[in-house]
């Protein structure tokens, strides 16, 4: 596709060095109008202050800032939480869950403005290029996709800074940046610097949101989380929106150093990467939901929910949010969540969140049956017949082997 066939591009813009460089690069190489699209998904407010001015100074004809915070938590995070998805057993998918809502809003803006193409600032080494472009294809295959990092020869931070300097485009970026970070309402991730060697422990500067567990309060704190149909609806007796619940739990979790992980993960493109992730409120939500499930889901349903979570983790990580498979998994998880009503009390202390109380009107727990004391509802003699039938295949195999 030659540049003269594209007249207008909508760029996913953050205000950072990369996307600030992409705007003039697109104009020079595609000779087209560039519209900046900024997704407000709960990142640091400082990143949004003056972002429109930055975009226009970089050469954008317009800049649209769209508030997606509530929708992000309600329609992307909460459904994923119902499945229990954890990528490679630890990662709460903070970056992965944000990409489909950004791509969707970007496509909607592009179609509304009559744009020919969409562009992103993801590199050719990462997962995000796959997530963005898979979503673009699923939602509006007629739009062209431009990925500058796969085309240009700007390969370093210094090169990008020089590129902007030569064009008299102002930037607050410097060469001293150590880490690469991604932030939204759900989490913040940190990569680069000393973290590029897995043998190095992270520096204190690698952690942004959460208090070091060693420096967290010496006194435990409890928090009560209300849940309806597998969704967090209130904190400490106060009914809140999904985003409001997350904000409150983020503050509580961060105060006690909850939600830190330091992992080496397998990227979709085949590279292993190391990062430090902080998800304080999300960790509290996940802990509360799984604790309540212990009360209300029977053994088969709980196992099925685990299987859904395992599959969903890869679906979300791989950027297949708008695929039929995702719709099917979410429908199954929502069905199971019909029973997940109740309250969970978590104890927060020095980096840990422990469920210490849980109640539910849908509970299957029966003290009458479970007691170690005397009861009148359970006949112990019945267990012998159950065990004989349960182990029947092992008995038949053993008898066969004895005859041999």
Protein backbone atom coordinates (compact mmCIF):
# COMPACT_ATOMS: atom_id res chain seq x y z
CA UNK A 1 0.00 0.00 0.00
CA UNK A 2 1.60 3.29 -1.05
CA UNK A 3 1.23 6.31 1.16
CA UNK A 4 -0.81 8.34 -1.35
CA UNK A 5 -3.69 5.87 -1.06
CA UNK A 6 -4.15 6.72 2.60
CA UNK A 7 -5.62 10.13 3.34
CA UNK A 8 -6.32 9.94 7.08
CA UNK A 9 -4.82 7.79 9.86
CA UNK A 10 -6.07 7.49 13.45
CA UNK A 11 -3.12 6.81 15.73
CA UNK A 12 -3.32 5.29 19.22
CA UNK A 13 -1.43 8.07 20.99
CA UNK A 14 0.00 8.15 24.53
CA UNK A 15 1.96 11.38 24.54
CA UNK A 16 5.20 9.50 25.06
CA UNK A 17 8.36 9.63 22.98
CA UNK A 18 7.42 6.83 20.57
CA UNK A 19 3.98 8.03 19.55
CA UNK A 20 5.10 11.69 19.51
CA UNK A 21 7.68 10.64 16.90
CA UNK A 22 5.16 8.55 14.98
CA UNK A 23 2.92 11.53 14.17
CA UNK A 24 5.49 13.47 12.08
CA UNK A 25 6.86 10.20 10.65
CA UNK A 26 3.42 9.24 9.36
CA UNK A 27 2.89 12.66 7.82
CA UNK A 28 6.28 12.55 6.09
CA UNK A 29 6.03 8.98 4.83
CA UNK A 30 2.32 8.63 4.11
CA UNK A 31 1.60 12.29 3.26
CA UNK A 32 -1.70 12.13 5.09
CA UNK A 33 -3.67 13.69 7.92
CA UNK A 34 -2.98 12.15 11.35
CA UNK A 35 -5.59 12.16 14.11
CA UNK A 36 -4.42 11.33 17.64
CA UNK A 37 -6.61 9.04 19.74
CA UNK A 38 -5.97 8.86 23.48
CA UNK A 39 -7.64 6.16 25.58
CA UNK A 40 -8.19 7.13 29.21
CA UNK A 41 -8.10 3.75 30.93
CA UNK A 42 -7.03 5.01 34.34
CA UNK A 43 -3.36 5.78 33.75
CA UNK A 44 -1.56 8.48 35.74
CA UNK A 45 -3.45 11.77 35.40
CA UNK A 46 -0.11 13.50 34.73
CA UNK A 47 0.16 11.50 31.49
CA UNK A 48 -3.11 13.03 30.30
CA UNK A 49 -2.40 16.60 31.34
CA UNK A 50 -1.53 18.53 28.21
CA UNK A 51 -1.69 15.43 26.00
CA UNK A 52 -3.87 17.20 23.42
CA UNK A 53 -1.40 20.08 23.20
CA UNK A 54 1.47 17.59 22.76
CA UNK A 55 -0.34 15.81 19.95
CA UNK A 56 -1.08 19.01 18.08
CA UNK A 57 2.51 20.24 18.53
CA UNK A 58 3.70 16.94 17.04
CA UNK A 59 1.58 17.56 13.95
CA UNK A 60 -1.77 15.90 14.63
CA UNK A 61 -4.76 17.64 13.05
CA UNK A 62 -6.99 16.63 15.98
CA UNK A 63 -6.70 14.87 19.33
CA UNK A 64 -9.57 12.90 20.85
CA UNK A 65 -9.33 11.84 24.51
CA UNK A 66 -11.94 9.17 25.31
CA UNK A 67 -12.80 8.18 28.89
CA UNK A 68 -12.96 4.37 28.93
CA UNK A 69 -12.28 3.78 32.63
CA UNK A 70 -15.66 2.48 33.75
CA UNK A 71 -16.25 0.47 30.58
CA UNK A 72 -12.79 -1.08 30.85
CA UNK A 73 -13.40 -2.48 34.33
CA UNK A 74 -17.07 -3.34 33.83
CA UNK A 75 -16.95 -4.99 30.39
CA UNK A 76 -13.41 -6.36 30.14
CA UNK A 77 -11.87 -6.83 33.59
CA UNK A 78 -14.94 -8.14 35.43
CA UNK A 79 -15.86 -10.80 32.83
CA UNK A 80 -12.23 -11.97 32.78
CA UNK A 81 -12.22 -12.12 36.58
CA UNK A 82 -15.28 -14.38 36.51
CA UNK A 83 -13.25 -16.94 34.56
CA UNK A 84 -10.36 -16.74 37.05
CA UNK A 85 -7.85 -16.20 34.24
CA UNK A 86 -4.18 -16.06 35.25
CA UNK A 87 -1.57 -16.22 32.51
CA UNK A 88 1.14 -18.73 33.39
CA UNK A 89 -0.38 -19.01 36.88
CA UNK A 90 0.56 -15.51 38.10
CA UNK A 91 -0.06 -12.66 35.64
CA UNK A 92 -3.39 -10.86 36.07
CA UNK A 93 -3.39 -9.71 32.43
CA UNK A 94 -3.36 -5.96 33.06
CA UNK A 95 -1.90 -4.94 29.70
CA UNK A 96 -3.66 -7.71 27.78
CA UNK A 97 -7.18 -6.82 28.93
CA UNK A 98 -6.72 -3.14 28.07
CA UNK A 99 -5.77 -3.62 24.42
CA UNK A 100 -9.16 -4.74 23.03
CA UNK A 101 -11.08 -1.79 24.48
CA UNK A 102 -8.44 0.64 23.16
CA UNK A 103 -8.58 -0.96 19.71
CA UNK A 104 -12.39 -0.93 19.70
CA UNK A 105 -12.63 2.76 20.61
CA UNK A 106 -9.90 3.59 18.09
CA UNK A 107 -11.75 1.78 15.30
CA UNK A 108 -15.03 3.49 16.24
CA UNK A 109 -13.33 6.89 15.99
CA UNK A 110 -11.67 6.00 12.68
CA UNK A 111 -14.99 4.95 11.16
CA UNK A 112 -16.76 8.04 12.47
CA UNK A 113 -14.09 10.34 11.01
CA UNK A 114 -13.93 8.49 7.70
CA UNK A 115 -10.29 7.48 8.15
CA UNK A 116 -8.59 5.03 5.80
CA UNK A 117 -6.22 3.54 8.36
CA UNK A 118 -5.28 3.03 12.00
CA UNK A 119 -1.80 3.00 13.51
CA UNK A 120 -0.17 1.94 16.77
CA UNK A 121 3.19 2.35 18.48
CA UNK A 122 3.79 -1.28 19.42
CA UNK A 123 7.20 -2.70 18.59
CA UNK A 124 7.89 -5.71 16.41
CA UNK A 125 9.13 -7.66 19.45
CA UNK A 126 6.05 -7.45 21.63
CA UNK A 127 2.60 -8.91 22.10
CA UNK A 128 0.71 -5.65 21.61
CA UNK A 129 1.16 -5.53 17.85
CA UNK A 130 -0.70 -8.84 17.64
CA UNK A 131 -3.42 -7.73 20.07
CA UNK A 132 -4.10 -4.44 18.32
CA UNK A 133 -4.05 -5.78 14.80
CA UNK A 134 -6.12 -8.87 15.57
CA UNK A 135 -8.78 -6.59 17.08
CA UNK A 136 -8.62 -4.18 14.12
CA UNK A 137 -9.13 -7.09 11.73
CA UNK A 138 -12.06 -8.49 13.69
CA UNK A 139 -13.82 -5.12 13.97
CA UNK A 140 -13.06 -3.31 10.71
CA UNK A 141 -11.05 -5.36 8.21
CA UNK A 142 -11.44 -2.61 5.60
CA UNK A 143 -9.12 -0.29 7.55
CA UNK A 144 -5.43 -0.35 6.65
CA UNK A 145 -2.99 -0.89 9.52
CA UNK A 146 0.27 1.03 9.83
CA UNK A 147 2.90 -0.20 12.29
CA UNK A 148 5.84 2.27 12.18
CA UNK A 149 8.14 0.15 14.36
CA UNK A 150 8.09 -2.49 11.62
CA UNK A 151 8.91 0.08 8.93
CA UNK A 152 11.16 2.87 10.18
CA UNK A 153 14.88 2.82 10.92
CA UNK A 154 14.62 4.65 14.26
CA UNK A 155 15.92 1.98 16.62
CA UNK A 156 16.90 3.80 19.82
CA UNK A 157 15.66 6.39 22.28
CA UNK A 158 18.47 8.68 21.19
CA UNK A 159 17.42 8.37 17.53
CA UNK A 160 13.83 9.28 18.40
CA UNK A 161 14.92 12.31 20.44
CA UNK A 162 17.14 13.50 17.58
CA UNK A 163 14.30 12.97 15.11
CA UNK A 164 12.02 15.29 17.11
CA UNK A 165 14.80 17.82 17.74
CA UNK A 166 15.52 18.11 14.00
CA UNK A 167 11.87 19.00 13.45
CA UNK A 168 11.65 21.44 16.38
CA UNK A 169 8.98 19.32 18.04
CA UNK A 170 9.08 19.78 21.85
CA UNK A 171 9.26 16.75 24.14
CA UNK A 172 9.75 16.20 27.86
CA UNK A 173 11.44 12.83 27.24
CA UNK A 174 15.14 12.40 28.06
CA UNK A 175 17.86 9.81 27.55
CA UNK A 176 17.83 9.00 31.27
CA UNK A 177 14.69 6.88 31.15
CA UNK A 178 15.55 3.48 32.64
CA UNK A 179 12.31 1.53 32.55
CA UNK A 180 9.51 0.84 30.10
CA UNK A 181 6.13 1.04 31.83
CA UNK A 182 2.50 0.37 31.00
CA UNK A 183 -0.15 1.72 33.35
CA UNK A 184 -3.91 1.60 33.58
CA UNK A 185 -6.51 1.42 36.34
CA UNK A 186 -5.88 -2.30 36.83
CA UNK A 187 -2.09 -2.46 37.01
CA UNK A 188 1.31 -1.02 36.26
CA UNK A 189 4.08 -3.04 34.64
CA UNK A 190 7.81 -2.27 34.68
CA UNK A 191 10.40 -3.71 32.29
CA UNK A 192 13.96 -2.84 31.27
CA UNK A 193 16.91 -1.59 33.26
CA UNK A 194 18.34 -4.13 35.69
CA UNK A 195 15.30 -6.34 35.08
CA UNK A 196 16.65 -7.40 31.69
CA UNK A 197 18.97 -9.79 33.56
CA UNK A 198 16.82 -12.29 35.53
CA UNK A 199 19.77 -12.78 37.88
CA UNK A 200 19.30 -9.22 39.16
CA UNK A 201 16.87 -8.43 41.94
CA UNK A 202 14.61 -5.48 41.14
CA UNK A 203 15.65 -2.11 42.51
CA UNK A 204 13.24 -0.20 44.73
CA UNK A 205 12.60 2.11 41.76
CA UNK A 206 11.09 -0.84 39.83
CA UNK A 207 8.05 -0.67 42.11
CA UNK A 208 5.76 2.32 41.67
CA UNK A 209 2.32 1.81 43.22
CA UNK A 210 2.84 -0.46 46.19
CA UNK A 211 4.58 0.01 49.49
CA UNK A 212 7.49 -2.37 50.07
CA UNK A 213 5.93 -5.17 52.18
CA UNK A 214 8.77 -4.72 54.69
CA UNK A 215 7.68 -1.10 55.16
CA UNK A 216 3.94 -1.83 55.20
CA UNK A 217 1.93 -1.26 58.41
CA UNK A 218 2.81 -3.59 61.28
CA UNK A 219 -0.88 -3.99 62.11
CA UNK A 220 -3.14 -6.08 59.84
CA UNK A 221 -6.18 -4.45 58.27
CA UNK A 222 -9.40 -6.14 57.17
CA UNK A 223 -11.55 -5.24 54.19
CA UNK A 224 -15.05 -6.55 53.43
CA UNK A 225 -15.82 -7.18 49.77
CA UNK A 226 -19.42 -7.62 48.57
CA UNK A 227 -19.99 -9.81 45.52
CA UNK A 228 -23.06 -10.32 43.31
CA UNK A 229 -23.04 -12.84 40.48
CA UNK A 230 -19.26 -13.00 40.47
CA UNK A 231 -18.81 -9.21 40.31
CA UNK A 232 -17.43 -6.94 43.04
CA UNK A 233 -20.18 -4.45 43.93
CA UNK A 234 -19.10 -2.94 47.26
CA UNK A 235 -16.21 -2.34 49.64
CA UNK A 236 -16.60 -2.06 53.43
CA UNK A 237 -20.35 -1.68 53.19
CA UNK A 238 -20.29 1.00 50.48
CA UNK A 239 -21.90 0.24 47.11
CA UNK A 240 -19.64 1.43 44.29
CA UNK A 241 -19.29 1.20 40.51
CA UNK A 242 -16.76 -1.33 39.18
CA UNK A 243 -14.17 1.41 38.68
CA UNK A 244 -14.98 2.85 42.11
CA UNK A 245 -14.48 -0.55 43.74
CA UNK A 246 -11.13 -0.94 42.03
CA UNK A 247 -9.94 2.54 43.05
CA UNK A 248 -10.73 1.85 46.69
CA UNK A 249 -9.15 -1.60 46.68
CA UNK A 250 -6.07 -0.32 44.83
CA UNK A 251 -5.44 2.14 47.65
CA UNK A 252 -5.91 -0.48 50.36
CA UNK A 253 -3.81 -3.12 48.63
CA UNK A 254 -1.00 -0.72 47.78
CA UNK A 255 -0.85 0.50 51.38
CA UNK A 256 -0.09 -3.07 52.53
CA UNK A 257 2.27 -4.02 49.70
CA UNK A 258 -0.21 -6.46 48.13
CA UNK A 259 -0.13 -7.43 44.46
CA UNK A 260 3.55 -7.52 43.50
CA UNK A 261 4.88 -10.19 41.14
CA UNK A 262 8.27 -10.52 39.46
CA UNK A 263 8.03 -12.96 36.56
CA UNK A 264 9.64 -14.20 33.37
CA UNK A 265 6.82 -14.81 30.92
CA UNK A 266 6.55 -16.38 27.48
CA UNK A 267 5.51 -13.76 24.96
CA UNK A 268 3.29 -14.78 22.07
CA UNK A 269 6.05 -13.94 19.57
CA UNK A 270 8.39 -16.51 21.16
CA UNK A 271 10.59 -14.26 23.31
CA UNK A 272 10.84 -14.58 27.08
CA UNK A 273 10.55 -11.28 28.92
CA UNK A 274 10.99 -10.32 32.55
CA UNK A 275 8.79 -7.77 34.27
CA UNK A 276 7.56 -6.53 37.62
CA UNK A 277 3.80 -6.15 37.82
CA UNK A 278 1.75 -4.43 40.50
CA UNK A 279 -1.97 -5.23 40.71
CA UNK A 280 -3.05 -4.42 44.28
CA UNK A 281 -6.81 -4.02 43.91
CA UNK A 282 -7.02 -6.76 41.32
CA UNK A 283 -5.25 -9.20 43.64
CA UNK A 284 -7.82 -8.45 46.36
CA UNK A 285 -10.67 -8.95 43.90
CA UNK A 286 -9.28 -12.23 42.62
CA UNK A 287 -8.65 -13.52 46.15
CA UNK A 288 -12.18 -12.66 47.27
CA UNK A 289 -13.87 -14.22 44.25
CA UNK A 290 -11.96 -17.47 44.48
CA UNK A 291 -12.68 -17.67 48.23
CA UNK A 292 -16.42 -17.24 47.68
CA UNK A 293 -16.41 -19.87 44.92
CA UNK A 294 -15.17 -22.36 47.51
CA UNK A 295 -18.50 -21.95 49.29
CA UNK A 296 -20.90 -22.03 46.38
CA UNK A 297 -19.47 -24.13 43.54
CA UNK A 298 -19.58 -27.92 43.71
CA UNK A 299 -16.50 -29.93 42.77
CA UNK A 300 -17.31 -30.35 39.08
CA UNK A 301 -18.33 -26.72 38.63
CA UNK A 302 -15.17 -25.52 40.37
CA UNK A 303 -13.02 -27.71 38.12
CA UNK A 304 -14.86 -26.42 35.05
CA UNK A 305 -14.30 -22.83 36.16
CA UNK A 306 -10.58 -23.59 36.53
CA UNK A 307 -10.49 -24.95 32.99
CA UNK A 308 -12.28 -21.87 31.69
CA UNK A 309 -9.77 -19.65 33.45
CA UNK A 310 -6.83 -21.51 31.98
CA UNK A 311 -8.21 -21.20 28.45
CA UNK A 312 -9.28 -17.58 28.91
CA UNK A 313 -5.80 -16.57 30.07
CA UNK A 314 -4.34 -17.56 26.70
CA UNK A 315 -7.25 -16.07 24.73
CA UNK A 316 -6.82 -12.68 26.42
CA UNK A 317 -3.02 -12.75 26.35
CA UNK A 318 -3.04 -13.58 22.64
CA UNK A 319 -5.44 -10.74 21.79
CA UNK A 320 -8.40 -12.85 20.71
CA UNK A 321 -11.03 -10.90 22.68
CA UNK A 322 -13.37 -10.49 19.69
CA UNK A 323 -13.21 -14.16 18.64
CA UNK A 324 -16.22 -16.51 19.00
CA UNK A 325 -14.23 -18.65 21.46
CA UNK A 326 -14.04 -15.74 23.89
CA UNK A 327 -17.79 -15.21 23.75
CA UNK A 328 -18.34 -18.89 24.51
CA UNK A 329 -15.92 -18.94 27.48
CA UNK A 330 -17.43 -15.78 28.97
CA UNK A 331 -20.97 -17.18 28.62
CA UNK A 332 -19.97 -20.32 30.52
CA UNK A 333 -18.21 -18.32 33.25
CA UNK A 334 -21.19 -15.99 33.62
CA UNK A 335 -23.47 -18.99 34.02
CA UNK A 336 -21.31 -20.36 36.85
CA UNK A 337 -21.16 -16.91 38.44
CA UNK A 338 -24.96 -16.86 38.90
CA UNK A 339 -24.33 -18.62 42.23
CA UNK A 340 -21.40 -16.47 43.34
CA UNK A 341 -23.13 -14.10 45.77
CA UNK A 342 -21.94 -13.13 49.22
CA UNK A 343 -19.29 -11.33 51.26
CA UNK A 344 -15.63 -12.06 51.89
CA UNK A 345 -13.44 -10.50 54.56
CA UNK A 346 -9.77 -10.27 53.62
CA UNK A 347 -6.92 -9.63 56.01
CA UNK A 348 -4.14 -7.48 54.54
CA UNK A 349 -0.70 -7.74 56.05
CA UNK A 350 2.83 -7.21 54.76
CA UNK A 351 2.20 -8.11 51.12
CA UNK A 352 -0.41 -10.83 51.71
CA UNK A 353 -4.18 -10.90 51.32
CA UNK A 354 -5.90 -13.79 53.12
CA UNK A 355 -9.59 -14.62 53.13
CA UNK A 356 -10.51 -15.04 56.81
CA UNK A 357 -14.33 -14.93 56.58
CA UNK A 358 -16.80 -15.78 53.85
CA UNK A 359 -20.58 -15.95 53.80
CA UNK A 360 -23.12 -16.61 51.06
CA UNK A 361 -26.87 -17.22 50.80
CA UNK A 362 -25.97 -19.77 48.07
CA UNK A 363 -23.44 -21.65 50.20
CA UNK A 364 -23.20 -25.44 49.82
CA UNK A 365 -21.19 -25.74 53.00
CA UNK A 366 -23.12 -27.62 55.69
CA UNK A 367 -21.71 -27.64 59.19
CA UNK A 368 -24.15 -30.43 59.99
CA UNK A 369 -22.45 -32.70 57.44
CA UNK A 370 -18.88 -31.41 57.82
CA UNK A 371 -18.58 -31.47 61.61
CA UNK A 372 -16.00 -33.64 63.35
CA UNK A 373 -18.42 -33.91 66.24
CA UNK A 374 -21.37 -36.25 66.52
CA UNK A 375 -24.02 -35.82 63.85
CA UNK A 376 -27.29 -37.45 62.84
CA UNK A 377 -27.18 -36.89 59.06
CA UNK A 378 -24.19 -38.89 57.86
CA UNK A 379 -24.00 -42.68 57.98
CA UNK A 380 -20.31 -43.64 57.97
CA UNK A 381 -21.12 -47.19 56.89
CA UNK A 382 -22.26 -45.89 53.49
CA UNK A 383 -18.67 -44.89 52.66
CA UNK A 384 -17.55 -48.52 52.28
CA UNK A 385 -19.84 -49.20 49.33
CA UNK A 386 -18.89 -45.91 47.69
CA UNK A 387 -15.18 -46.68 47.97
CA UNK A 388 -15.65 -50.21 46.61
CA UNK A 389 -17.39 -48.85 43.50
CA UNK A 390 -15.02 -45.88 43.13
CA UNK A 391 -12.00 -48.20 43.17
CA UNK A 392 -13.60 -50.99 41.14
CA UNK A 393 -11.42 -50.49 38.03
CA UNK A 394 -8.26 -50.70 40.18
CA UNK A 395 -9.58 -53.92 41.76
CA UNK A 396 -10.30 -55.51 38.38
CA UNK A 397 -6.84 -54.58 37.09
CA UNK A 398 -5.12 -55.98 40.17
CA UNK A 399 -7.08 -59.26 39.95
CA UNK A 400 -6.13 -59.58 36.28
CA UNK A 401 -2.45 -59.05 37.08
CA UNK A 402 -2.60 -61.66 39.86
CA UNK A 403 -3.91 -64.27 37.41
CA UNK A 404 -0.92 -63.58 35.15
